[in-house]
């Protein structure tokens, strides 16, 4: 007998609080390894991003 697999498509709408997620993940890992771990989101400005894009080419 052949089993048919159902294709599942996931769609996410809205925003995701990335900094809050990173803070929570950092806290969990910090507690597990008894270390001080932090994470910060850094969004480069447009000029810096264009410079990086040119170097990649």
PDB file of N, CA and C in Angstrom:
ATOM      1  N   UNK A   1       0.824  -1.184   0.000  1.00  0.00           N
ATOM      2  CA  UNK A   1       0.000   0.000   0.000  1.00  0.00           C
ATOM      3  C   UNK A   1       0.870   1.250   0.000  1.00  0.00           C
ATOM      4  N   UNK A   2       0.434   2.217  -0.751  1.00  0.00           N
ATOM      5  CA  UNK A   2       1.135   3.486  -0.786  1.00  0.00           C
ATOM      6  C   UNK A   2       0.458   4.475   0.157  1.00  0.00           C
ATOM      7  N   UNK A   3       1.274   5.180   0.914  1.00  0.00           N
ATOM      8  CA  UNK A   3       0.703   6.204   1.783  1.00  0.00           C
ATOM      9  C   UNK A   3       0.889   7.565   1.125  1.00  0.00           C
ATOM     10  N   UNK A   4      -0.144   8.349   1.144  1.00  0.00           N
ATOM     11  CA  UNK A   4      -0.088   9.675   0.548  1.00  0.00           C
ATOM     12  C   UNK A   4       0.253  10.685   1.635  1.00  0.00           C
ATOM     13  N   UNK A   5       1.205  11.549   1.338  1.00  0.00           N
ATOM     14  CA  UNK A   5       1.587  12.588   2.278  1.00  0.00           C
ATOM     15  C   UNK A   5       0.879  13.882   1.896  1.00  0.00           C
ATOM     16  N   UNK A   6       0.283  14.494   2.876  1.00  0.00           N
ATOM     17  CA  UNK A   6      -0.417  15.746   2.652  1.00  0.00           C
ATOM     18  C   UNK A   6       0.591  16.891   2.687  1.00  0.00           C
ATOM     19  N   UNK A   7       0.524  17.753   1.691  1.00  0.00           N
ATOM     20  CA  UNK A   7       1.415  18.901   1.642  1.00  0.00           C
ATOM     21  C   UNK A   7       0.845  19.988   2.546  1.00  0.00           C
ATOM     22  N   UNK A   8       1.673  20.452   3.485  1.00  0.00           N
ATOM     23  CA  UNK A   8       1.251  21.483   4.425  1.00  0.00           C
ATOM     24  C   UNK A   8       2.020  22.759   4.109  1.00  0.00           C
ATOM     25  N   UNK A   9       1.298  23.844   3.967  1.00  0.00           N
ATOM     26  CA  UNK A   9       1.917  25.133   3.677  1.00  0.00           C
ATOM     27  C   UNK A   9       1.693  26.065   4.858  1.00  0.00           C
ATOM     28  N   UNK A  10       2.772  26.627   5.369  1.00  0.00           N
ATOM     29  CA  UNK A  10       2.684  27.516   6.520  1.00  0.00           C
ATOM     30  C   UNK A  10       2.780  28.959   6.054  1.00  0.00           C
ATOM     31  N   UNK A  11       1.854  29.768   6.519  1.00  0.00           N
ATOM     32  CA  UNK A  11       1.879  31.199   6.224  1.00  0.00           C
ATOM     33  C   UNK A  11       1.812  31.955   7.544  1.00  0.00           C
ATOM     34  N   UNK A  12       2.662  32.956   7.654  1.00  0.00           N
ATOM     35  CA  UNK A  12       2.691  33.765   8.867  1.00  0.00           C
ATOM     36  C   UNK A  12       2.378  35.204   8.479  1.00  0.00           C
ATOM     37  N   UNK A  13       1.432  35.791   9.183  1.00  0.00           N
ATOM     38  CA  UNK A  13       1.048  37.178   8.938  1.00  0.00           C
ATOM     39  C   UNK A  13       1.310  38.001  10.189  1.00  0.00           C
ATOM     40  N   UNK A  14       1.675  39.246  10.005  1.00  0.00           N
ATOM     41  CA  UNK A  14       1.893  40.117  11.149  1.00  0.00           C
ATOM     42  C   UNK A  14       3.366  40.366  11.395  1.00  0.00           C
ATOM     43  N   UNK A  15       3.658  40.797  12.591  1.00  0.00           N
ATOM     44  CA  UNK A  15       5.036  41.097  12.950  1.00  0.00           C
ATOM     45  C   UNK A  15       5.517  40.127  14.024  1.00  0.00           C
ATOM     46  N   UNK A  16       6.814  40.020  14.138  1.00  0.00           N
ATOM     47  CA  UNK A  16       7.427  39.129  15.113  1.00  0.00           C
ATOM     48  C   UNK A  16       8.358  39.954  15.989  1.00  0.00           C
ATOM     49  N   UNK A  17       8.188  39.911  17.300  1.00  0.00           N
ATOM     50  CA  UNK A  17       9.048  40.698  18.191  1.00  0.00           C
ATOM     51  C   UNK A  17      10.432  40.042  18.336  1.00  0.00           C
ATOM     52  N   UNK A  18      11.293  40.276  17.348  1.00  0.00           N
ATOM     53  CA  UNK A  18      12.590  39.602  17.299  1.00  0.00           C
ATOM     54  C   UNK A  18      13.455  39.899  18.516  1.00  0.00           C
ATOM     55  N   UNK A  19      13.510  41.164  18.971  1.00  0.00           N
ATOM     56  CA  UNK A  19      14.359  41.486  20.116  1.00  0.00           C
ATOM     57  C   UNK A  19      13.891  40.751  21.363  1.00  0.00           C
ATOM     58  N   UNK A  20      12.603  40.661  21.559  1.00  0.00           N
ATOM     59  CA  UNK A  20      12.068  39.938  22.716  1.00  0.00           C
ATOM     60  C   UNK A  20      12.433  38.449  22.633  1.00  0.00           C
ATOM     61  N   UNK A  21      12.344  37.890  21.428  1.00  0.00           N
ATOM     62  CA  UNK A  21      12.734  36.497  21.222  1.00  0.00           C
ATOM     63  C   UNK A  21      14.208  36.289  21.561  1.00  0.00           C
ATOM     64  N   UNK A  22      15.064  37.184  21.070  1.00  0.00           N
ATOM     65  CA  UNK A  22      16.502  37.054  21.345  1.00  0.00           C
ATOM     66  C   UNK A  22      16.806  37.226  22.825  1.00  0.00           C
ATOM     67  N   UNK A  23      16.101  38.141  23.489  1.00  0.00           N
ATOM     68  CA  UNK A  23      16.288  38.322  24.926  1.00  0.00           C
ATOM     69  C   UNK A  23      15.924  37.052  25.696  1.00  0.00           C
ATOM     70  N   UNK A  24      14.811  36.445  25.320  1.00  0.00           N
ATOM     71  CA  UNK A  24      14.374  35.212  25.984  1.00  0.00           C
ATOM     72  C   UNK A  24      15.351  34.070  25.719  1.00  0.00           C
ATOM     73  N   UNK A  25      15.770  33.930  24.477  1.00  0.00           N
ATOM     74  CA  UNK A  25      16.727  32.877  24.125  1.00  0.00           C
ATOM     75  C   UNK A  25      18.052  33.079  24.850  1.00  0.00           C
ATOM     76  N   UNK A  26      18.514  34.323  24.925  1.00  0.00           N
ATOM     77  CA  UNK A  26      19.758  34.628  25.642  1.00  0.00           C
ATOM     78  C   UNK A  26      19.648  34.268  27.112  1.00  0.00           C
ATOM     79  N   UNK A  27      18.498  34.567  27.714  1.00  0.00           N
ATOM     80  CA  UNK A  27      18.300  34.260  29.124  1.00  0.00           C
ATOM     81  C   UNK A  27      18.339  32.742  29.353  1.00  0.00           C
ATOM     82  N   UNK A  28      17.693  31.979  28.477  1.00  0.00           N
ATOM     83  CA  UNK A  28      17.669  30.523  28.625  1.00  0.00           C
ATOM     84  C   UNK A  28      19.075  29.951  28.508  1.00  0.00           C
ATOM     85  N   UNK A  29      19.814  30.376  27.482  1.00  0.00           N
ATOM     86  CA  UNK A  29      21.176  29.862  27.271  1.00  0.00           C
ATOM     87  C   UNK A  29      22.101  30.333  28.393  1.00  0.00           C
ATOM     88  N   UNK A  30      21.927  31.564  28.850  1.00  0.00           N
ATOM     89  CA  UNK A  30      22.746  32.081  29.953  1.00  0.00           C
ATOM     90  C   UNK A  30      22.553  31.251  31.211  1.00  0.00           C
ATOM     91  N   UNK A  31      21.307  30.929  31.515  1.00  0.00           N
ATOM     92  CA  UNK A  31      21.028  30.114  32.702  1.00  0.00           C
ATOM     93  C   UNK A  31      21.580  28.699  32.559  1.00  0.00           C
ATOM     94  N   UNK A  32      21.484  28.129  31.373  1.00  0.00           N
ATOM     95  CA  UNK A  32      21.954  26.756  31.159  1.00  0.00           C
ATOM     96  C   UNK A  32      23.471  26.647  31.313  1.00  0.00           C
ATOM     97  N   UNK A  33      24.199  27.614  30.771  1.00  0.00           N
ATOM     98  CA  UNK A  33      25.652  27.544  30.766  1.00  0.00           C
ATOM     99  C   UNK A  33      26.309  28.460  31.804  1.00  0.00           C
ATOM    100  N   UNK A  34      25.497  29.052  32.679  1.00  0.00           N
ATOM    101  CA  UNK A  34      26.006  29.926  33.731  1.00  0.00           C
ATOM    102  C   UNK A  34      26.940  30.989  33.151  1.00  0.00           C
ATOM    103  N   UNK A  35      26.430  31.678  32.134  1.00  0.00           N
ATOM    104  CA  UNK A  35      27.213  32.704  31.460  1.00  0.00           C
ATOM    105  C   UNK A  35      26.329  33.926  31.228  1.00  0.00           C
ATOM    106  N   UNK A  36      26.955  35.027  30.870  1.00  0.00           N
ATOM    107  CA  UNK A  36      26.213  36.243  30.565  1.00  0.00           C
ATOM    108  C   UNK A  36      26.189  36.420  29.050  1.00  0.00           C
ATOM    109  N   UNK A  37      25.058  36.134  28.441  1.00  0.00           N
ATOM    110  CA  UNK A  37      24.912  36.188  26.991  1.00  0.00           C
ATOM    111  C   UNK A  37      23.855  37.233  26.651  1.00  0.00           C
ATOM    112  N   UNK A  38      24.192  38.100  25.707  1.00  0.00           N
ATOM    113  CA  UNK A  38      23.238  39.104  25.244  1.00  0.00           C
ATOM    114  C   UNK A  38      23.206  39.092  23.719  1.00  0.00           C
ATOM    115  N   UNK A  39      22.108  39.543  23.165  1.00  0.00           N
ATOM    116  CA  UNK A  39      21.965  39.646  21.713  1.00  0.00           C
ATOM    117  C   UNK A  39      21.269  40.955  21.399  1.00  0.00           C
ATOM    118  N   UNK A  40      21.717  41.614  20.359  1.00  0.00           N
ATOM    119  CA  UNK A  40      21.143  42.900  19.985  1.00  0.00           C
ATOM    120  C   UNK A  40      20.979  42.942  18.475  1.00  0.00           C
ATOM    121  N   UNK A  41      19.849  43.439  18.034  1.00  0.00           N
ATOM    122  CA  UNK A  41      19.593  43.587  16.609  1.00  0.00           C
ATOM    123  C   UNK A  41      20.195  44.905  16.157  1.00  0.00           C
ATOM    124  N   UNK A  42      20.990  44.837  15.107  1.00  0.00           N
ATOM    125  CA  UNK A  42      21.602  46.036  14.546  1.00  0.00           C
ATOM    126  C   UNK A  42      21.165  46.134  13.090  1.00  0.00           C
ATOM    127  N   UNK A  43      20.508  47.230  12.760  1.00  0.00           N
ATOM    128  CA  UNK A  43      20.063  47.454  11.389  1.00  0.00           C
ATOM    129  C   UNK A  43      20.979  48.508  10.776  1.00  0.00           C
ATOM    130  N   UNK A  44      21.776  48.113   9.769  1.00  0.00           N
ATOM    131  CA  UNK A  44      22.698  49.076   9.178  1.00  0.00           C
ATOM    132  C   UNK A  44      21.929  50.152   8.408  1.00  0.00           C
ATOM    133  N   UNK A  45      22.494  51.346   8.372  1.00  0.00           N
ATOM    134  CA  UNK A  45      21.841  52.403   7.624  1.00  0.00           C
ATOM    135  C   UNK A  45      21.948  52.125   6.128  1.00  0.00           C
ATOM    136  N   UNK A  46      21.182  52.833   5.334  1.00  0.00           N
ATOM    137  CA  UNK A  46      21.065  52.552   3.904  1.00  0.00           C
ATOM    138  C   UNK A  46      22.393  52.699   3.177  1.00  0.00           C
ATOM    139  N   UNK A  47      23.182  53.725   3.499  1.00  0.00           N
ATOM    140  CA  UNK A  47      24.451  53.935   2.816  1.00  0.00           C
ATOM    141  C   UNK A  47      25.420  52.785   3.090  1.00  0.00           C
ATOM    142  N   UNK A  48      25.473  52.333   4.325  1.00  0.00           N
ATOM    143  CA  UNK A  48      26.349  51.229   4.685  1.00  0.00           C
ATOM    144  C   UNK A  48      25.906  49.952   3.972  1.00  0.00           C
ATOM    145  N   UNK A  49      24.608  49.746   3.851  1.00  0.00           N
ATOM    146  CA  UNK A  49      24.074  48.560   3.179  1.00  0.00           C
ATOM    147  C   UNK A  49      24.441  48.583   1.697  1.00  0.00           C
ATOM    148  N   UNK A  50      24.348  49.746   1.047  1.00  0.00           N
ATOM    149  CA  UNK A  50      24.698  49.851  -0.365  1.00  0.00           C
ATOM    150  C   UNK A  50      26.175  49.553  -0.569  1.00  0.00           C
ATOM    151  N   UNK A  51      27.025  50.009   0.343  1.00  0.00           N
ATOM    152  CA  UNK A  51      28.459  49.750   0.255  1.00  0.00           C
ATOM    153  C   UNK A  51      28.737  48.249   0.354  1.00  0.00           C
ATOM    154  N   UNK A  52      28.049  47.571   1.273  1.00  0.00           N
ATOM    155  CA  UNK A  52      28.225  46.133   1.424  1.00  0.00           C
ATOM    156  C   UNK A  52      27.740  45.391   0.177  1.00  0.00           C
ATOM    157  N   UNK A  53      26.664  45.875  -0.438  1.00  0.00           N
ATOM    158  CA  UNK A  53      26.141  45.254  -1.645  1.00  0.00           C
ATOM    159  C   UNK A  53      27.129  45.370  -2.792  1.00  0.00           C
ATOM    160  N   UNK A  54      27.799  46.532  -2.913  1.00  0.00           N
ATOM    161  CA  UNK A  54      28.775  46.740  -3.980  1.00  0.00           C
ATOM    162  C   UNK A  54      29.983  45.829  -3.799  1.00  0.00           C
ATOM    163  N   UNK A  55      30.414  45.619  -2.550  1.00  0.00           N
ATOM    164  CA  UNK A  55      31.556  44.748  -2.287  1.00  0.00           C
ATOM    165  C   UNK A  55      31.241  43.297  -2.599  1.00  0.00           C
ATOM    166  N   UNK A  56      29.990  42.920  -2.457  1.00  0.00           N
ATOM    167  CA  UNK A  56      29.592  41.532  -2.693  1.00  0.00           C
ATOM    168  C   UNK A  56      29.624  41.177  -4.179  1.00  0.00           C
ATOM    169  N   UNK A  57      29.547  42.192  -5.039  1.00  0.00           N
ATOM    170  CA  UNK A  57      29.509  41.950  -6.490  1.00  0.00           C
ATOM    171  C   UNK A  57      30.855  41.749  -7.034  1.00  0.00           C
TER     172      UNK A  57
END
